[in-house]
Amino acid sequence: MVESKVEISKNLEKALQALEQAKQRVANEKKKQSEKNRKAEKSLSATTSATRKAPLVARQNLQELQNTI
């Protein structure tokens, strides 16, 4: 059975639409993953910063305690 040019054209159009949808899904997934990585990095940065500040805060608290004695 020979397909007509119209049928072939319709099939190509459908294939192009499917390709564009797939590209959009990939772009959305990359964006989602990038946002997830950014949030994780921000959270890690905040945790690291708090960990660095902990000894300083502990020293300050100790110093205040010694000053009250």
Protein backbone atom coordinates (compact mmCIF):
# COMPACT_ATOMS: atom_id res chain seq x y z
CA MET A 1 0.00 0.00 0.00
CA VAL A 2 1.43 3.33 -1.06
CA GLU A 3 0.86 6.27 1.24
CA SER A 4 -0.15 9.51 -0.33
CA LYS A 5 1.95 12.63 0.05
CA VAL A 6 -0.75 14.10 2.29
CA GLU A 7 -0.58 11.12 4.66
CA ILE A 8 3.21 11.28 4.73
CA SER A 9 3.06 15.00 5.43
CA LYS A 10 0.58 14.47 8.29
CA ASN A 11 2.79 11.74 9.77
CA LEU A 12 5.85 14.00 9.55
CA GLU A 13 3.93 16.81 11.23
CA LYS A 14 2.89 14.46 14.07
CA ALA A 15 6.48 13.29 14.44
CA LEU A 16 7.72 16.89 14.60
CA GLN A 17 5.13 17.71 17.26
CA ALA A 18 6.17 14.67 19.29
CA LEU A 19 9.82 15.73 18.97
CA GLU A 20 9.04 19.27 20.15
CA GLN A 21 7.09 17.91 23.12
CA ALA A 22 9.99 15.64 24.02
CA LYS A 23 12.42 18.56 23.81
CA GLN A 24 10.17 20.60 26.09
CA ARG A 25 9.94 17.75 28.61
CA VAL A 26 13.74 17.43 28.64
CA ALA A 27 14.14 21.19 29.11
CA ASN A 28 11.62 21.19 31.96
CA GLU A 29 13.35 18.25 33.63
CA LYS A 30 16.76 19.96 33.34
CA LYS A 31 15.29 23.13 34.84
CA LYS A 32 13.72 21.13 37.67
CA GLN A 33 16.98 19.31 38.38
CA SER A 34 18.94 22.57 38.27
CA GLU A 35 16.56 24.13 40.80
CA LYS A 36 16.85 21.07 43.02
CA ASN A 37 20.66 21.26 42.87
CA ARG A 38 20.60 25.00 43.61
CA LYS A 39 18.42 24.45 46.69
CA ALA A 40 20.63 21.61 47.90
CA GLU A 41 23.75 23.73 47.43
CA LYS A 42 22.13 26.65 49.26
CA SER A 43 21.14 24.37 52.12
CA LEU A 44 24.62 22.86 52.30
CA SER A 45 26.16 26.33 52.27
CA ALA A 46 23.92 27.45 55.15
CA THR A 47 24.75 24.30 57.13
CA THR A 48 28.46 24.76 56.54
CA SER A 49 28.24 28.40 57.56
CA ALA A 50 26.38 27.52 60.77
CA THR A 51 28.94 24.82 61.54
CA ARG A 52 31.75 27.34 61.16
CA LYS A 53 30.00 29.81 63.46
CA ALA A 54 29.28 27.25 66.17
CA PRO A 55 32.74 27.36 67.82
CA LEU A 56 32.69 31.17 67.81
CA VAL A 57 29.25 31.25 69.42
CA ALA A 58 30.36 28.65 71.97
CA ARG A 59 33.41 30.77 72.85
CA GLN A 60 31.25 33.87 73.19
CA ASN A 61 28.82 32.03 75.44
CA LEU A 62 31.70 30.72 77.56
CA GLN A 63 33.18 34.18 77.81
CA GLU A 64 29.83 35.67 78.88
CA LEU A 65 29.45 32.93 81.46
CA GLN A 66 32.94 33.59 82.83
CA ASN A 67 32.19 37.32 83.00
CA THR A 68 29.11 36.69 85.11
CA ILE A 69 31.05 34.58 87.63
